[in-house]
Amino acid sequence: MEPLNLLIVAIRTEWKFLISDSLQKAGYTFTETHVSSKQEALEACNYSRYDLVISNCRLPDGDVADLVSVIGKLFPCLVMAEGKCPVNSEKALSLLATDFYITSSEQSSWISAVENALSQWKKNAQQNLREQRLKHSTLHKKVLTRVEEELSSEEEYEHSDSKISSVLTLLLEVLDLSRIYLCAKQSPSEGEPTLLGKTEIVAPGVKKVTYKDASVSVPYFNRWNTIFSAKQPVTGTLTTLPPGEQQWLNYRDSQSLLAVPILSDDNWEGFIGLEDSFNAREWSTEEINLIESVAELIKDKHFQQTPTPYFFEGNMVSAQV
């Protein structure tokens, strides 16, 4: 068993000894970080991951409820009561129907509370993950239905580019993106293939990326071509992409990228690119599956192998979210 990494907040000296002594006698190995206030605890959590936070219910700089409401979703929290604790167990631990306040000096009470807190928090976290996946799955199904309706619309006044812009705007809002765009591969009869920008949507405050001509700079083309040809998406961040692609992403003020190919039989005709300017985002399987489904719909209904260049200044779109 790996040592427990404990964060101990504003605990009196005699209680600190009780924690250490009881855990040692129970056979646990652990490391301790001691802080004396809510603010110091929040700062410590910014730099380290803890297996358990043990806090006094009385803090010198605020209610313990403020502390556990912030870190309770990240780490198990165990609140020690001195007299009447102002926080109920459900709020302190982000758990239902539990009571983990330590009001006795018996060593078994400490160990029981620690073990139950760790076990119940893990179960609760797993349940939250299942609920989030179900929620996202339901949302993505609704989004995909909306996308299909938009692309299938037969309104005469709606141009294909307008429909695709509407779809990308929807995805930008639902997935909380900074930038989303569609590029098409153009394969001339002679020479190397090139990429042409078709549509780009950016969130407010995100700089627009404009080009002097229709071609999109592709310092990454050979690697991406291999990945797309294998029918796989390209993902990465400023720290995980190859150096040339890191520079390209940094120029766009983005920290994370997802590029999903638009496939036709065994070839790729273009891709949908997604960027996050604020987080080194790890793209979930559900998000990738959603964009792959959208790419399939765009290919079936509106994608042209020789698109009209669309990245000239003035054709950039800023979504109002």
Protein backbone atom coordinates (compact mmCIF):
# COMPACT_ATOMS: atom_id res chain seq x y z
CA MET A 1 0.00 0.00 0.00
CA GLU A 2 1.33 3.43 -0.91
CA PRO A 3 1.68 5.94 1.94
CA LEU A 4 -1.34 8.15 2.55
CA ASN A 5 -0.72 11.81 1.78
CA LEU A 6 -2.59 13.77 4.45
CA LEU A 7 -3.40 17.47 4.64
CA ILE A 8 -4.17 18.48 8.24
CA VAL A 9 -5.87 21.83 8.71
CA ALA A 10 -5.89 23.84 11.97
CA ILE A 11 -5.79 20.78 14.22
CA ARG A 12 -4.66 21.28 17.81
CA THR A 13 -1.37 19.70 18.86
CA GLU A 14 -2.97 16.99 20.99
CA TRP A 15 -5.22 15.96 18.11
CA LYS A 16 -2.29 15.84 15.70
CA PHE A 17 -0.61 13.27 17.93
CA LEU A 18 -3.81 11.21 18.07
CA ILE A 19 -3.97 11.08 14.27
CA SER A 20 -0.34 9.99 13.90
CA ASP A 21 -0.35 7.52 16.76
CA SER A 22 -3.57 5.80 15.75
CA LEU A 23 -2.61 5.46 12.09
CA GLN A 24 0.81 4.04 12.99
CA LYS A 25 -0.70 1.48 15.35
CA ALA A 26 -3.17 0.47 12.63
CA GLY A 27 -0.27 -0.27 10.28
CA TYR A 28 -0.60 2.72 7.95
CA THR A 29 2.32 4.64 6.48
CA PHE A 30 1.66 8.29 5.69
CA THR A 31 3.05 11.74 5.13
CA GLU A 32 1.58 14.84 6.72
CA THR A 33 1.29 18.43 5.60
CA HIS A 34 0.13 20.80 8.33
CA VAL A 35 -1.49 24.16 7.65
CA SER A 36 -3.16 26.54 10.06
CA SER A 37 -5.91 28.18 8.00
CA LYS A 38 -8.43 27.78 5.20
CA GLN A 39 -6.37 29.97 2.87
CA GLU A 40 -3.22 27.93 3.46
CA ALA A 41 -5.19 24.72 2.81
CA LEU A 42 -6.50 26.02 -0.51
CA GLU A 43 -3.00 27.04 -1.56
CA ALA A 44 -1.62 23.61 -0.60
CA CYS A 45 -4.29 21.91 -2.72
CA ASN A 46 -3.17 23.92 -5.74
CA TYR A 47 0.25 22.31 -5.61
CA SER A 48 -0.31 18.77 -4.32
CA ARG A 49 -2.76 15.91 -4.45
CA TYR A 50 -3.96 14.53 -1.10
CA ASP A 51 -5.55 11.22 -0.21
CA LEU A 52 -7.39 12.76 2.75
CA VAL A 53 -7.97 16.21 4.22
CA ILE A 54 -8.55 16.33 7.99
CA SER A 55 -9.80 19.70 9.17
CA ASN A 56 -10.91 21.29 12.38
CA CYS A 57 -14.48 22.56 12.10
CA ARG A 58 -13.27 25.86 13.53
CA LEU A 59 -10.91 27.73 11.24
CA PRO A 60 -9.33 31.12 12.01
CA ASP A 61 -10.26 32.62 8.64
CA GLY A 62 -13.71 31.32 7.84
CA ASP A 63 -16.26 28.53 7.99
CA VAL A 64 -15.05 25.02 7.26
CA ALA A 65 -18.03 24.73 4.90
CA ASP A 66 -16.28 27.17 2.56
CA LEU A 67 -13.21 24.94 2.51
CA VAL A 68 -14.92 21.61 1.93
CA SER A 69 -17.29 23.03 -0.68
CA VAL A 70 -14.23 23.79 -2.81
CA ILE A 71 -12.01 20.75 -2.18
CA GLY A 72 -14.65 18.17 -1.25
CA LYS A 73 -15.09 17.15 -4.89
CA LEU A 74 -11.35 16.66 -5.29
CA PHE A 75 -10.34 14.93 -2.07
CA PRO A 76 -12.07 13.05 0.78
CA CYS A 77 -12.61 15.41 3.72
CA LEU A 78 -12.85 14.47 7.40
CA VAL A 79 -14.05 17.23 9.73
CA MET A 80 -13.16 17.08 13.42
CA ALA A 81 -15.79 18.53 15.72
CA GLU A 82 -14.97 20.61 18.77
CA GLY A 83 -18.35 20.87 20.37
CA LYS A 84 -21.11 21.50 17.85
CA CYS A 85 -19.79 21.49 14.30
CA PRO A 86 -21.45 24.04 11.99
CA VAL A 87 -21.35 21.73 8.95
CA ASN A 88 -23.38 18.59 8.45
CA SER A 89 -21.63 15.44 7.27
CA GLU A 90 -23.33 15.46 3.87
CA LYS A 91 -21.94 18.85 2.95
CA ALA A 92 -18.53 18.32 4.51
CA LEU A 93 -17.86 15.03 2.80
CA SER A 94 -19.97 15.32 -0.33
CA LEU A 95 -21.56 12.05 0.77
CA LEU A 96 -25.09 10.96 1.57
CA ALA A 97 -26.26 9.52 4.89
CA THR A 98 -22.87 9.45 6.58
CA ASP A 99 -21.46 10.83 9.80
CA PHE A 100 -17.70 11.06 10.02
CA TYR A 101 -17.20 13.67 12.70
CA ILE A 102 -14.59 12.69 15.26
CA THR A 103 -15.85 13.45 18.74
CA SER A 104 -14.06 10.73 20.66
CA SER A 105 -10.38 10.31 21.51
CA GLU A 106 -10.55 6.55 21.06
CA GLN A 107 -8.06 5.44 18.44
CA SER A 108 -10.54 3.06 16.84
CA SER A 109 -12.87 5.97 16.14
CA TRP A 110 -10.19 7.75 14.20
CA ILE A 111 -9.31 4.71 12.12
CA SER A 112 -12.92 3.83 11.46
CA ALA A 113 -13.66 7.39 10.37
CA VAL A 114 -10.61 7.57 8.11
CA GLU A 115 -11.30 4.24 6.42
CA ASN A 116 -15.00 4.96 5.97
CA ALA A 117 -14.28 8.42 4.58
CA LEU A 118 -11.85 7.03 2.00
CA SER A 119 -14.15 4.17 1.03
CA GLN A 120 -17.37 6.17 0.84
CA TRP A 121 -15.75 9.05 -1.04
CA LYS A 122 -14.43 6.62 -3.65
CA LYS A 123 -17.87 5.07 -4.08
CA ASN A 124 -19.44 8.50 -4.31
CA ALA A 125 -16.88 9.64 -6.90
CA GLN A 126 -17.52 6.55 -9.02
CA GLN A 127 -21.27 7.17 -8.86
CA ASN A 128 -20.77 10.81 -9.86
CA LEU A 129 -18.69 9.70 -12.85
CA ARG A 130 -21.40 7.29 -13.96
CA GLU A 131 -24.04 10.01 -13.64
CA GLN A 132 -21.90 12.49 -15.58
CA ARG A 133 -21.31 10.00 -18.39
CA LEU A 134 -25.04 9.32 -18.58
CA LYS A 135 -25.82 13.04 -18.57
CA HIS A 136 -23.24 13.75 -21.27
CA SER A 137 -24.46 10.82 -23.35
CA THR A 138 -28.03 12.13 -23.22
CA LEU A 139 -26.89 15.67 -24.06
CA HIS A 140 -24.75 14.48 -26.96
CA LYS A 141 -27.65 12.48 -28.41
CA LYS A 142 -29.80 15.61 -28.33
CA VAL A 143 -27.03 17.65 -29.94
CA LEU A 144 -26.58 15.07 -32.68
CA THR A 145 -30.31 15.11 -33.41
CA ARG A 146 -30.19 18.91 -33.62
CA VAL A 147 -27.19 18.75 -35.96
CA GLU A 148 -28.93 16.29 -38.26
CA GLU A 149 -32.04 18.47 -38.38
CA GLU A 150 -29.96 21.54 -39.18
CA LEU A 151 -28.01 19.87 -41.97
CA SER A 152 -31.15 18.27 -43.41
CA SER A 153 -33.08 21.52 -43.56
CA GLU A 154 -34.47 22.22 -47.02
CA GLU A 155 -35.02 25.94 -46.52
CA GLU A 156 -34.07 27.55 -49.81
CA TYR A 157 -32.48 30.60 -48.24
CA GLU A 158 -30.07 28.53 -46.22
CA HIS A 159 -26.72 28.06 -47.93
CA SER A 160 -24.59 25.02 -47.07
CA ASP A 161 -21.94 27.20 -45.43
CA SER A 162 -24.60 28.81 -43.24
CA LYS A 163 -25.83 25.43 -42.05
CA ILE A 164 -22.32 24.27 -41.20
CA SER A 165 -21.66 27.52 -39.34
CA SER A 166 -24.82 26.94 -37.29
CA VAL A 167 -23.69 23.41 -36.46
CA LEU A 168 -20.21 24.54 -35.41
CA THR A 169 -21.68 27.33 -33.29
CA LEU A 170 -23.86 24.80 -31.48
CA LEU A 171 -20.85 22.56 -30.80
CA LEU A 172 -18.78 25.51 -29.59
CA GLU A 173 -21.42 26.35 -27.00
CA VAL A 174 -22.25 22.82 -25.86
CA LEU A 175 -18.63 21.68 -25.52
CA ASP A 176 -17.41 25.03 -24.12
CA LEU A 177 -14.80 25.51 -26.83
CA SER A 178 -12.63 28.47 -27.74
CA ARG A 179 -12.42 27.72 -31.44
CA ILE A 180 -13.92 25.20 -33.87
CA TYR A 181 -13.30 25.06 -37.60
CA LEU A 182 -13.69 22.97 -40.71
CA CYS A 183 -10.87 22.40 -43.20
CA ALA A 184 -11.00 20.53 -46.50
CA LYS A 185 -8.22 18.66 -48.24
CA GLN A 186 -7.66 19.62 -51.85
CA SER A 187 -5.81 17.11 -54.02
CA PRO A 188 -4.69 18.75 -57.29
CA SER A 189 -3.89 16.69 -60.34
CA GLU A 190 -0.25 17.67 -59.87
CA GLY A 191 1.66 18.58 -56.73
CA GLU A 192 1.12 17.97 -53.05
CA PRO A 193 -2.34 18.07 -51.41
CA THR A 194 -3.22 21.27 -49.57
CA LEU A 195 -5.73 22.27 -46.94
CA LEU A 196 -8.34 24.95 -47.48
CA GLY A 197 -10.16 26.66 -44.66
CA LYS A 198 -13.91 26.47 -44.96
CA THR A 199 -15.55 27.77 -41.76
CA GLU A 200 -14.28 28.89 -38.37
CA ILE A 201 -16.24 29.86 -35.26
CA VAL A 202 -14.56 31.50 -32.26
CA ALA A 203 -15.85 32.35 -28.79
CA PRO A 204 -15.95 35.98 -27.62
CA GLY A 205 -12.50 37.17 -26.55
CA VAL A 206 -10.68 34.58 -28.66
CA LYS A 207 -8.59 36.07 -31.44
CA LYS A 208 -9.60 35.35 -35.01
CA VAL A 209 -7.11 33.48 -37.16
CA THR A 210 -7.04 34.99 -40.63
CA TYR A 211 -5.12 34.03 -43.73
CA LYS A 212 -3.90 36.09 -46.64
CA ASP A 213 -4.96 33.36 -49.05
CA ALA A 214 -7.17 30.29 -49.02
CA SER A 215 -4.47 27.80 -48.07
CA VAL A 216 -4.07 26.79 -44.45
CA SER A 217 -0.50 26.51 -43.18
CA VAL A 218 0.21 22.84 -42.50
CA PRO A 219 3.52 22.30 -40.67
CA TYR A 220 1.89 19.18 -39.26
CA PHE A 221 0.55 17.76 -42.50
CA ASN A 222 2.67 14.61 -42.87
CA ARG A 223 1.98 13.36 -39.34
CA TRP A 224 -1.68 14.29 -39.45
CA ASN A 225 -2.06 12.72 -42.88
CA THR A 226 -0.80 9.41 -41.50
CA ILE A 227 -3.12 9.57 -38.48
CA PHE A 228 -6.16 10.64 -40.49
CA SER A 229 -5.48 7.94 -43.08
CA ALA A 230 -5.66 5.43 -40.22
CA LYS A 231 -9.13 6.87 -39.43
CA GLN A 232 -7.95 8.23 -36.07
CA PRO A 233 -8.24 11.70 -34.49
CA VAL A 234 -5.31 13.93 -33.59
CA THR A 235 -5.23 15.10 -29.96
CA GLY A 236 -2.66 16.93 -27.89
CA THR A 237 -1.69 19.91 -25.74
CA LEU A 238 1.06 22.49 -25.68
CA THR A 239 3.24 20.04 -23.79
CA THR A 240 2.44 16.79 -25.61
CA LEU A 241 2.34 17.76 -29.30
CA PRO A 242 5.55 17.68 -31.40
CA PRO A 243 7.57 20.95 -31.19
CA GLY A 244 6.39 22.36 -34.54
CA GLU A 245 2.76 21.76 -33.68
CA GLN A 246 3.26 23.24 -30.21
CA GLN A 247 4.47 26.47 -31.83
CA TRP A 248 1.49 26.46 -34.18
CA LEU A 249 -0.95 25.92 -31.32
CA ASN A 250 0.78 28.55 -29.19
CA TYR A 251 0.47 31.07 -32.03
CA ARG A 252 -3.27 30.48 -31.91
CA ASP A 253 -3.28 31.10 -28.11
CA SER A 254 -4.64 27.60 -27.53
CA GLN A 255 -3.61 24.97 -25.01
CA SER A 256 -5.38 21.88 -26.34
CA LEU A 257 -6.39 20.48 -29.71
CA LEU A 258 -8.71 17.83 -31.12
CA ALA A 259 -8.83 17.23 -34.90
CA VAL A 260 -11.28 14.63 -36.25
CA PRO A 261 -11.03 13.53 -39.89
CA ILE A 262 -13.96 13.61 -42.28
CA LEU A 263 -13.77 10.20 -43.91
CA SER A 264 -14.95 8.92 -47.25
CA ASP A 265 -14.37 5.21 -47.72
CA ASP A 266 -10.63 4.74 -47.12
CA ASN A 267 -9.71 8.40 -47.65
CA TRP A 268 -10.05 11.54 -45.57
CA GLU A 269 -11.46 14.66 -47.18
CA GLY A 270 -10.94 17.18 -44.40
CA PHE A 271 -11.20 17.56 -40.65
CA ILE A 272 -13.06 19.33 -37.86
CA GLY A 273 -10.68 21.09 -35.45
CA LEU A 274 -11.52 21.97 -31.84
CA GLU A 275 -9.36 24.11 -29.55
CA ASP A 276 -9.43 25.13 -25.90
CA SER A 277 -7.55 28.33 -25.09
CA PHE A 278 -7.88 28.11 -21.33
CA ASN A 279 -7.20 24.50 -20.33
CA ALA A 280 -4.82 21.70 -21.28
CA ARG A 281 -7.93 19.71 -21.98
CA GLU A 282 -8.04 15.94 -22.21
CA TRP A 283 -10.72 15.14 -24.77
CA SER A 284 -13.13 12.45 -23.58
CA THR A 285 -14.17 9.42 -25.61
CA GLU A 286 -17.73 10.78 -25.60
CA GLU A 287 -16.61 14.11 -27.06
CA ILE A 288 -14.55 12.43 -29.77
CA ASN A 289 -17.44 10.11 -30.66
CA LEU A 290 -19.78 13.10 -30.96
CA ILE A 291 -17.47 14.97 -33.34
CA GLU A 292 -16.92 11.80 -35.39
CA SER A 293 -20.70 11.48 -35.78
CA VAL A 294 -20.98 15.13 -36.79
CA ALA A 295 -18.15 14.66 -39.31
CA GLU A 296 -20.06 11.75 -40.84
CA LEU A 297 -23.23 13.84 -41.16
CA ILE A 298 -21.35 16.76 -42.72
CA LYS A 299 -19.68 14.45 -45.20
CA ASP A 300 -22.96 12.81 -46.21
CA LYS A 301 -24.98 15.99 -46.60
CA HIS A 302 -22.82 19.00 -47.31
CA PHE A 303 -19.15 18.27 -47.76
CA GLN A 304 -17.54 18.95 -51.12
CA GLN A 305 -14.12 17.74 -52.10
CA THR A 306 -13.30 21.05 -53.77
CA PRO A 307 -14.70 23.66 -51.38
CA THR A 308 -14.83 27.38 -51.87
CA PRO A 309 -12.05 29.04 -49.83
CA TYR A 310 -13.65 30.43 -46.73
CA PHE A 311 -10.92 31.71 -44.44
CA PHE A 312 -10.55 35.16 -45.93
CA GLU A 313 -10.87 38.03 -43.49
CA GLY A 314 -14.51 38.95 -43.20
CA ASN A 315 -15.73 35.37 -43.35
CA MET A 316 -14.65 34.60 -39.78
CA VAL A 317 -17.57 34.18 -37.39
CA SER A 318 -17.63 35.04 -33.70
CA ALA A 319 -20.21 33.15 -31.67
CA GLN A 320 -22.20 35.07 -29.11
CA VAL A 321 -22.35 32.77 -26.10
